[in-house]
Amino acid sequence: MGELGQRLAKLLRAGDLVLLTGELGAGKTTLARGLGAGLGVRGAVTSPTFVIARVHPPLGEGPALVHVDAYRLGGGLEEMDDLDLDVSLTDSVVIVEWGEGKVEELAEDRLHVVIGRAVGADTVGPGGGPMDVREVSVTGVGRRWADEDLSVLG
């Protein structure tokens, strides 16, 4: 999931909204950590469950990363504004875990990443033990993603 996040980071730019959907333990935060590494932001990207949102400023010229856990949010732009993030969302890459049905109004263009855990997969990992398998679908919504080749993520 971390490697996928790093590949995805190469496609992202300021103003992009990414919704991460998946059950508990599916890998949403691990994917966000990979995005942070790929974007080159400051600070460890960890789950923002208790603080709801964290801003990670760029180490270089790239955009800041705003990492939101919307699990406890009712949804909508007003609640995002109430978080007082001290950063312009249009100048940042915004990643929202548990955001489906809550924050779509933040942007007409967005990327929706759905992560599923394969059940009963008999896959052996590099160390010889069992390996969790993820099934990921990435869907671009809006003009921003219409001509973007998302197959590079596979």
N, C-alpha and C. Protein backbone atom coordinates (compact mmCIF):
# COMPACT_ATOMS: atom_id res chain seq x y z
N MET A 1 0.84 -1.19 0.00
CA MET A 1 0.00 0.00 0.00
C MET A 1 0.88 1.25 0.00
N GLY A 2 2.00 1.18 0.71
CA GLY A 2 2.93 2.30 0.73
C GLY A 2 3.51 2.58 -0.64
N GLU A 3 3.87 1.51 -1.36
CA GLU A 3 4.41 1.67 -2.71
C GLU A 3 3.36 2.26 -3.65
N LEU A 4 2.12 1.82 -3.51
CA LEU A 4 1.04 2.38 -4.32
C LEU A 4 0.89 3.87 -4.03
N GLY A 5 0.97 4.25 -2.76
CA GLY A 5 0.90 5.66 -2.39
C GLY A 5 2.00 6.48 -3.04
N GLN A 6 3.21 5.92 -3.10
CA GLN A 6 4.32 6.64 -3.73
C GLN A 6 4.10 6.80 -5.23
N ARG A 7 3.57 5.77 -5.88
CA ARG A 7 3.26 5.87 -7.32
C ARG A 7 2.15 6.88 -7.55
N LEU A 8 1.14 6.85 -6.70
CA LEU A 8 0.02 7.78 -6.83
C LEU A 8 0.48 9.22 -6.63
N ALA A 9 1.41 9.44 -5.73
CA ALA A 9 1.91 10.79 -5.44
C ALA A 9 2.45 11.47 -6.70
N LYS A 10 3.01 10.69 -7.62
CA LYS A 10 3.57 11.24 -8.85
C LYS A 10 2.50 11.86 -9.74
N LEU A 11 1.25 11.44 -9.56
CA LEU A 11 0.15 11.97 -10.36
C LEU A 11 -0.54 13.18 -9.73
N LEU A 12 -0.30 13.40 -8.45
CA LEU A 12 -1.04 14.41 -7.71
C LEU A 12 -0.40 15.78 -7.79
N ARG A 13 -1.27 16.80 -7.68
CA ARG A 13 -0.81 18.19 -7.65
C ARG A 13 -1.71 18.98 -6.71
N ALA A 14 -1.29 20.19 -6.42
CA ALA A 14 -2.05 21.06 -5.52
C ALA A 14 -3.50 21.15 -5.97
N GLY A 15 -4.41 21.07 -5.01
CA GLY A 15 -5.84 21.15 -5.30
C GLY A 15 -6.52 19.81 -5.46
N ASP A 16 -5.74 18.73 -5.51
CA ASP A 16 -6.33 17.41 -5.68
C ASP A 16 -6.94 16.90 -4.38
N LEU A 17 -8.09 16.27 -4.51
CA LEU A 17 -8.79 15.64 -3.40
C LEU A 17 -8.78 14.15 -3.65
N VAL A 18 -8.34 13.39 -2.64
CA VAL A 18 -8.30 11.93 -2.73
C VAL A 18 -9.11 11.36 -1.59
N LEU A 19 -10.13 10.57 -1.92
CA LEU A 19 -10.96 9.89 -0.92
C LEU A 19 -10.47 8.45 -0.78
N LEU A 20 -10.22 8.04 0.45
CA LEU A 20 -9.79 6.67 0.71
C LEU A 20 -10.91 5.92 1.43
N THR A 21 -11.35 4.84 0.82
CA THR A 21 -12.44 4.05 1.37
C THR A 21 -11.97 2.62 1.58
N GLY A 22 -12.30 2.07 2.73
CA GLY A 22 -11.95 0.68 3.01
C GLY A 22 -12.23 0.39 4.47
N GLU A 23 -12.38 -0.88 4.77
CA GLU A 23 -12.68 -1.27 6.15
C GLU A 23 -11.50 -0.96 7.06
N LEU A 24 -11.72 -1.05 8.33
CA LEU A 24 -10.68 -0.86 9.32
C LEU A 24 -9.54 -1.85 9.03
N GLY A 25 -8.33 -1.36 8.95
CA GLY A 25 -7.18 -2.22 8.68
C GLY A 25 -6.93 -2.51 7.22
N ALA A 26 -7.67 -1.85 6.33
CA ALA A 26 -7.50 -2.12 4.90
C ALA A 26 -6.20 -1.55 4.34
N GLY A 27 -5.66 -0.52 4.98
CA GLY A 27 -4.42 0.05 4.49
C GLY A 27 -4.52 1.51 4.09
N LYS A 28 -5.59 2.19 4.50
CA LYS A 28 -5.78 3.60 4.13
C LYS A 28 -4.64 4.48 4.65
N THR A 29 -4.27 4.32 5.91
CA THR A 29 -3.21 5.15 6.48
C THR A 29 -1.86 4.77 5.90
N THR A 30 -1.64 3.51 5.60
CA THR A 30 -0.38 3.09 4.98
C THR A 30 -0.26 3.71 3.59
N LEU A 31 -1.36 3.75 2.85
CA LEU A 31 -1.36 4.39 1.55
C LEU A 31 -1.07 5.89 1.71
N ALA A 32 -1.68 6.52 2.70
CA ALA A 32 -1.43 7.94 2.97
C ALA A 32 0.03 8.19 3.33
N ARG A 33 0.62 7.28 4.09
CA ARG A 33 2.04 7.39 4.44
C ARG A 33 2.90 7.35 3.18
N GLY A 34 2.57 6.46 2.25
CA GLY A 34 3.28 6.39 0.97
C GLY A 34 3.11 7.66 0.16
N LEU A 35 1.91 8.23 0.19
CA LEU A 35 1.67 9.50 -0.49
C LEU A 35 2.56 10.59 0.09
N GLY A 36 2.64 10.64 1.41
CA GLY A 36 3.48 11.63 2.07
C GLY A 36 4.94 11.49 1.67
N ALA A 37 5.42 10.25 1.62
CA ALA A 37 6.80 10.01 1.20
C ALA A 37 7.00 10.43 -0.25
N GLY A 38 6.04 10.09 -1.10
CA GLY A 38 6.14 10.44 -2.51
C GLY A 38 6.06 11.94 -2.77
N LEU A 39 5.29 12.65 -1.95
CA LEU A 39 5.16 14.10 -2.10
C LEU A 39 6.31 14.84 -1.43
N GLY A 40 7.04 14.14 -0.58
CA GLY A 40 8.16 14.78 0.12
C GLY A 40 7.71 15.80 1.13
N VAL A 41 6.87 15.37 2.07
CA VAL A 41 6.36 16.30 3.09
C VAL A 41 7.04 16.06 4.42
N ARG A 42 6.95 17.04 5.29
CA ARG A 42 7.58 16.97 6.61
C ARG A 42 6.68 16.24 7.60
N GLY A 43 7.30 15.51 8.49
CA GLY A 43 6.56 14.85 9.56
C GLY A 43 6.09 13.46 9.19
N ALA A 44 5.96 12.64 10.21
CA ALA A 44 5.47 11.28 10.00
C ALA A 44 3.97 11.32 9.70
N VAL A 45 3.57 10.66 8.65
CA VAL A 45 2.15 10.58 8.30
C VAL A 45 1.57 9.42 9.09
N THR A 46 0.77 9.77 10.09
CA THR A 46 0.13 8.78 10.95
C THR A 46 -1.37 9.02 10.92
N SER A 47 -2.11 8.10 11.48
CA SER A 47 -3.56 8.23 11.48
C SER A 47 -4.00 9.48 12.25
N PRO A 48 -4.80 10.33 11.62
CA PRO A 48 -5.30 11.52 12.31
C PRO A 48 -6.63 11.29 13.02
N THR A 49 -6.90 10.07 13.43
CA THR A 49 -8.20 9.72 14.02
C THR A 49 -8.59 10.64 15.16
N PHE A 50 -7.69 10.92 16.08
CA PHE A 50 -8.06 11.69 17.26
C PHE A 50 -7.97 13.19 17.05
N VAL A 51 -7.11 13.64 16.14
CA VAL A 51 -7.01 15.08 15.87
C VAL A 51 -7.84 15.47 14.65
N ILE A 52 -8.37 14.52 13.95
CA ILE A 52 -9.20 14.62 12.76
C ILE A 52 -8.41 15.05 11.52
N ALA A 53 -7.48 15.99 11.65
CA ALA A 53 -6.72 16.41 10.47
C ALA A 53 -5.31 16.83 10.87
N ARG A 54 -4.37 16.54 9.97
CA ARG A 54 -2.98 16.97 10.14
C ARG A 54 -2.52 17.61 8.83
N VAL A 55 -1.74 18.66 8.97
CA VAL A 55 -1.14 19.30 7.81
C VAL A 55 0.35 18.97 7.82
N HIS A 56 0.83 18.48 6.69
CA HIS A 56 2.25 18.16 6.52
C HIS A 56 2.80 19.11 5.47
N PRO A 57 3.58 20.10 5.88
CA PRO A 57 4.15 21.06 4.91
C PRO A 57 5.17 20.37 4.00
N PRO A 58 5.36 20.90 2.81
CA PRO A 58 6.35 20.31 1.91
C PRO A 58 7.77 20.60 2.37
N LEU A 59 8.67 19.65 2.11
CA LEU A 59 10.08 19.87 2.39
C LEU A 59 10.74 20.66 1.25
N GLY A 60 10.11 20.62 0.08
CA GLY A 60 10.64 21.31 -1.10
C GLY A 60 9.61 22.23 -1.70
N GLU A 61 9.50 22.15 -3.01
CA GLU A 61 8.60 23.04 -3.76
C GLU A 61 7.18 22.50 -3.93
N GLY A 62 6.93 21.26 -3.57
CA GLY A 62 5.63 20.64 -3.80
C GLY A 62 4.55 21.16 -2.87
N PRO A 63 3.34 20.62 -3.04
CA PRO A 63 2.22 21.04 -2.20
C PRO A 63 2.28 20.42 -0.80
N ALA A 64 1.59 21.05 0.13
CA ALA A 64 1.40 20.47 1.46
C ALA A 64 0.45 19.28 1.33
N LEU A 65 0.48 18.41 2.30
CA LEU A 65 -0.44 17.28 2.38
C LEU A 65 -1.35 17.51 3.57
N VAL A 66 -2.65 17.53 3.32
CA VAL A 66 -3.64 17.62 4.40
C VAL A 66 -4.26 16.23 4.51
N HIS A 67 -4.06 15.60 5.66
CA HIS A 67 -4.52 14.23 5.88
C HIS A 67 -5.67 14.27 6.89
N VAL A 68 -6.85 13.88 6.45
CA VAL A 68 -8.06 13.99 7.26
C VAL A 68 -8.65 12.61 7.51
N ASP A 69 -9.13 12.40 8.73
CA ASP A 69 -9.90 11.22 9.06
C ASP A 69 -11.33 11.70 9.32
N ALA A 70 -12.21 11.43 8.37
CA ALA A 70 -13.58 11.96 8.44
C ALA A 70 -14.54 11.02 9.16
N TYR A 71 -14.01 9.99 9.82
CA TYR A 71 -14.87 9.01 10.47
C TYR A 71 -15.87 9.67 11.42
N ARG A 72 -15.41 10.66 12.18
CA ARG A 72 -16.28 11.31 13.16
C ARG A 72 -16.93 12.59 12.64
N LEU A 73 -16.67 12.94 11.38
CA LEU A 73 -17.27 14.14 10.82
C LEU A 73 -18.63 13.82 10.20
N GLY A 74 -19.54 14.75 10.33
CA GLY A 74 -20.83 14.60 9.68
C GLY A 74 -20.71 14.84 8.19
N GLY A 75 -19.72 15.64 7.82
CA GLY A 75 -19.46 15.89 6.41
C GLY A 75 -19.65 17.33 6.03
N GLY A 76 -19.09 17.63 4.90
CA GLY A 76 -19.29 18.94 4.30
C GLY A 76 -18.17 19.93 4.50
N LEU A 77 -18.21 20.95 3.66
CA LEU A 77 -17.19 21.98 3.63
C LEU A 77 -17.15 22.79 4.91
N GLU A 78 -18.30 23.02 5.54
CA GLU A 78 -18.34 23.80 6.77
C GLU A 78 -17.50 23.15 7.87
N GLU A 79 -17.62 21.85 8.03
CA GLU A 79 -16.84 21.17 9.06
C GLU A 79 -15.36 21.21 8.75
N MET A 80 -15.00 21.13 7.46
CA MET A 80 -13.60 21.24 7.09
C MET A 80 -13.08 22.63 7.44
N ASP A 81 -13.86 23.66 7.16
CA ASP A 81 -13.47 25.03 7.52
C ASP A 81 -13.32 25.18 9.03
N ASP A 82 -14.18 24.53 9.79
CA ASP A 82 -14.13 24.60 11.25
C ASP A 82 -12.86 23.98 11.83
N LEU A 83 -12.19 23.14 11.05
CA LEU A 83 -10.97 22.50 11.54
C LEU A 83 -9.81 23.50 11.65
N ASP A 84 -9.96 24.68 11.03
CA ASP A 84 -8.95 25.72 11.11
C ASP A 84 -7.57 25.16 10.76
N LEU A 85 -7.46 24.61 9.56
CA LEU A 85 -6.25 23.93 9.14
C LEU A 85 -5.08 24.87 8.86
N ASP A 86 -5.33 26.14 8.75
CA ASP A 86 -4.28 27.12 8.50
C ASP A 86 -3.53 26.80 7.20
N VAL A 87 -4.26 26.33 6.22
CA VAL A 87 -3.68 26.05 4.91
C VAL A 87 -4.81 26.13 3.89
N SER A 88 -4.47 26.60 2.70
CA SER A 88 -5.47 26.66 1.64
C SER A 88 -5.60 25.28 1.02
N LEU A 89 -6.81 24.77 1.00
CA LEU A 89 -7.03 23.44 0.44
C LEU A 89 -6.72 23.41 -1.05
N THR A 90 -6.84 24.55 -1.74
CA THR A 90 -6.53 24.59 -3.17
C THR A 90 -5.03 24.54 -3.42
N ASP A 91 -4.22 24.82 -2.41
CA ASP A 91 -2.77 24.79 -2.55
C ASP A 91 -2.17 23.51 -1.98
N SER A 92 -3.01 22.55 -1.62
CA SER A 92 -2.57 21.33 -0.96
C SER A 92 -3.16 20.11 -1.67
N VAL A 93 -2.58 18.97 -1.39
CA VAL A 93 -3.20 17.70 -1.74
C VAL A 93 -3.96 17.28 -0.48
N VAL A 94 -5.25 17.01 -0.63
CA VAL A 94 -6.08 16.65 0.51
C VAL A 94 -6.47 15.18 0.40
N ILE A 95 -6.12 14.41 1.42
CA ILE A 95 -6.45 12.99 1.48
C ILE A 95 -7.44 12.81 2.62
N VAL A 96 -8.57 12.18 2.33
CA VAL A 96 -9.59 12.01 3.35
C VAL A 96 -9.94 10.54 3.51
N GLU A 97 -9.57 9.99 4.68
CA GLU A 97 -9.99 8.64 5.01
C GLU A 97 -11.44 8.69 5.48
N TRP A 98 -12.21 7.68 5.13
CA TRP A 98 -13.63 7.60 5.51
C TRP A 98 -14.41 8.79 4.95
N GLY A 99 -14.01 9.31 3.80
CA GLY A 99 -14.63 10.53 3.26
C GLY A 99 -15.81 10.32 2.35
N GLU A 100 -16.02 9.10 1.90
CA GLU A 100 -17.11 8.84 0.96
C GLU A 100 -18.45 9.26 1.56
N GLY A 101 -19.21 10.05 0.80
CA GLY A 101 -20.52 10.52 1.25
C GLY A 101 -20.44 11.70 2.20
N LYS A 102 -19.23 12.21 2.47
CA LYS A 102 -19.07 13.29 3.43
C LYS A 102 -18.39 14.54 2.86
N VAL A 103 -17.41 14.37 2.00
CA VAL A 103 -16.62 15.53 1.58
C VAL A 103 -16.53 15.73 0.07
N GLU A 104 -17.34 15.04 -0.69
CA GLU A 104 -17.27 15.17 -2.14
C GLU A 104 -17.47 16.61 -2.61
N GLU A 105 -18.21 17.39 -1.84
CA GLU A 105 -18.49 18.77 -2.23
C GLU A 105 -17.26 19.68 -2.13
N LEU A 106 -16.18 19.17 -1.56
CA LEU A 106 -14.95 19.96 -1.49
C LEU A 106 -14.38 20.24 -2.87
N ALA A 107 -14.61 19.33 -3.83
CA ALA A 107 -14.05 19.52 -5.16
C ALA A 107 -14.88 18.76 -6.19
N GLU A 108 -15.07 19.38 -7.36
CA GLU A 108 -15.76 18.69 -8.45
C GLU A 108 -14.91 17.55 -8.97
N ASP A 109 -13.60 17.74 -8.94
CA ASP A 109 -12.66 16.72 -9.40
C ASP A 109 -12.07 16.03 -8.18
N ARG A 110 -12.07 14.71 -8.21
CA ARG A 110 -11.51 13.97 -7.08
C ARG A 110 -11.12 12.57 -7.54
N LEU A 111 -10.29 11.97 -6.75
CA LEU A 111 -9.86 10.62 -6.99
C LEU A 111 -10.40 9.77 -5.86
N HIS A 112 -11.06 8.68 -6.21
CA HIS A 112 -11.65 7.80 -5.19
C HIS A 112 -10.90 6.47 -5.21
N VAL A 113 -10.26 6.16 -4.10
CA VAL A 113 -9.50 4.92 -3.96
C VAL A 113 -10.26 4.02 -3.00
N VAL A 114 -10.67 2.86 -3.48
CA VAL A 114 -11.40 1.89 -2.67
C VAL A 114 -10.48 0.69 -2.45
N ILE A 115 -10.25 0.38 -1.18
CA ILE A 115 -9.34 -0.71 -0.81
C ILE A 115 -10.14 -1.83 -0.17
N GLY A 116 -10.00 -3.01 -0.72
CA GLY A 116 -10.65 -4.19 -0.16
C GLY A 116 -9.60 -5.21 0.23
N ARG A 117 -9.87 -5.95 1.27
CA ARG A 117 -8.96 -7.02 1.69
C ARG A 117 -9.51 -8.33 1.14
N ALA A 118 -8.69 -9.03 0.40
CA ALA A 118 -9.11 -10.32 -0.15
C ALA A 118 -9.20 -11.33 0.99
N VAL A 119 -10.33 -11.98 1.07
CA VAL A 119 -10.56 -12.94 2.15
C VAL A 119 -10.25 -14.34 1.63
N GLY A 120 -9.51 -15.10 2.43
CA GLY A 120 -9.21 -16.49 2.07
C GLY A 120 -8.13 -16.64 1.02
N ALA A 121 -7.38 -15.57 0.74
CA ALA A 121 -6.32 -15.69 -0.26
C ALA A 121 -5.14 -16.44 0.35
N ASP A 122 -4.66 -17.43 -0.37
CA ASP A 122 -3.52 -18.21 0.11
C ASP A 122 -2.25 -17.69 -0.55
N THR A 123 -1.88 -16.48 -0.23
CA THR A 123 -0.71 -15.86 -0.82
C THR A 123 0.43 -15.90 0.19
N VAL A 124 1.60 -16.29 -0.27
CA VAL A 124 2.77 -16.38 0.59
C VAL A 124 3.62 -15.14 0.39
N GLY A 125 4.01 -14.52 1.50
CA GLY A 125 4.82 -13.31 1.45
C GLY A 125 6.28 -13.61 1.27
N PRO A 126 7.13 -12.57 1.17
CA PRO A 126 8.56 -12.74 0.95
C PRO A 126 9.25 -13.57 2.04
N GLY A 127 8.77 -13.52 3.26
CA GLY A 127 9.36 -14.27 4.36
C GLY A 127 8.83 -15.69 4.48
N GLY A 128 7.93 -16.10 3.58
CA GLY A 128 7.37 -17.44 3.63
C GLY A 128 6.06 -17.54 4.38
N GLY A 129 5.70 -16.49 5.12
CA GLY A 129 4.45 -16.50 5.87
C GLY A 129 3.29 -15.99 5.03
N PRO A 130 2.09 -16.01 5.60
CA PRO A 130 0.93 -15.52 4.85
C PRO A 130 1.01 -14.02 4.62
N MET A 131 0.46 -13.57 3.52
CA MET A 131 0.49 -12.16 3.16
C MET A 131 -0.94 -11.68 2.90
N ASP A 132 -1.29 -10.55 3.50
CA ASP A 132 -2.60 -9.96 3.23
C ASP A 132 -2.62 -9.41 1.81
N VAL A 133 -3.68 -9.73 1.10
CA VAL A 133 -3.82 -9.27 -0.28
C VAL A 133 -4.87 -8.17 -0.32
N ARG A 134 -4.57 -7.11 -1.01
CA ARG A 134 -5.49 -5.99 -1.16
C ARG A 134 -5.97 -5.92 -2.60
N GLU A 135 -7.23 -5.57 -2.77
CA GLU A 135 -7.79 -5.29 -4.08
C GLU A 135 -8.12 -3.81 -4.07
N VAL A 136 -7.53 -3.06 -5.00
CA VAL A 136 -7.67 -1.61 -5.00
C VAL A 136 -8.26 -1.16 -6.32
N SER A 137 -9.27 -0.30 -6.24
CA SER A 137 -9.78 0.35 -7.45
C SER A 137 -9.59 1.86 -7.29
N VAL A 138 -9.15 2.48 -8.35
CA VAL A 138 -8.91 3.92 -8.35
C VAL A 138 -9.76 4.52 -9.46
N THR A 139 -10.65 5.43 -9.07
CA THR A 139 -11.57 6.04 -10.03
C THR A 139 -11.43 7.55 -9.99
N GLY A 140 -11.18 8.13 -11.13
CA GLY A 140 -11.11 9.58 -11.23
C GLY A 140 -12.48 10.15 -11.56
N VAL A 141 -12.84 11.22 -10.88
CA VAL A 141 -14.12 11.89 -11.11
C VAL A 141 -13.83 13.33 -11.54
N GLY A 142 -14.44 13.75 -12.62
CA GLY A 142 -14.29 15.13 -13.06
C GLY A 142 -13.26 15.31 -14.17
N ARG A 143 -13.22 16.53 -14.67
CA ARG A 143 -12.36 16.88 -15.79
C ARG A 143 -10.86 16.66 -15.50
N ARG A 144 -10.46 16.94 -14.27
CA ARG A 144 -9.05 16.80 -13.89
C ARG A 144 -8.52 15.40 -14.19
N TRP A 145 -9.34 14.39 -14.01
CA TRP A 145 -8.90 13.02 -14.15
C TRP A 145 -9.29 12.37 -15.47
N ALA A 146 -10.01 13.11 -16.33
CA ALA A 146 -10.53 12.53 -17.57
C ALA A 146 -9.43 11.98 -18.48
N ASP A 147 -8.31 12.67 -18.57
CA ASP A 147 -7.24 12.24 -19.48
C ASP A 147 -6.03 11.66 -18.76
N GLU A 148 -6.14 11.48 -17.45
CA GLU A 148 -5.03 10.95 -16.67
C GLU A 148 -4.98 9.42 -16.83
N ASP A 149 -3.80 8.89 -17.10
CA ASP A 149 -3.63 7.46 -17.26
C ASP A 149 -3.41 6.82 -15.90
N LEU A 150 -4.47 6.30 -15.32
CA LEU A 150 -4.38 5.68 -13.99
C LEU A 150 -3.82 4.27 -14.04
N SER A 151 -3.62 3.72 -15.25
CA SER A 151 -3.09 2.37 -15.37
C SER A 151 -1.64 2.29 -14.89
N VAL A 152 -0.95 3.42 -14.78
CA VAL A 152 0.44 3.44 -14.28
C VAL A 152 0.49 3.04 -12.81
N LEU A 153 -0.65 3.01 -12.14
CA LEU A 153 -0.69 2.64 -10.74
C LEU A 153 -0.68 1.14 -10.55
N GLY A 154 -1.07 0.40 -11.60
CA GLY A 154 -1.16 -1.06 -11.50
C GLY A 154 0.15 -1.69 -11.35
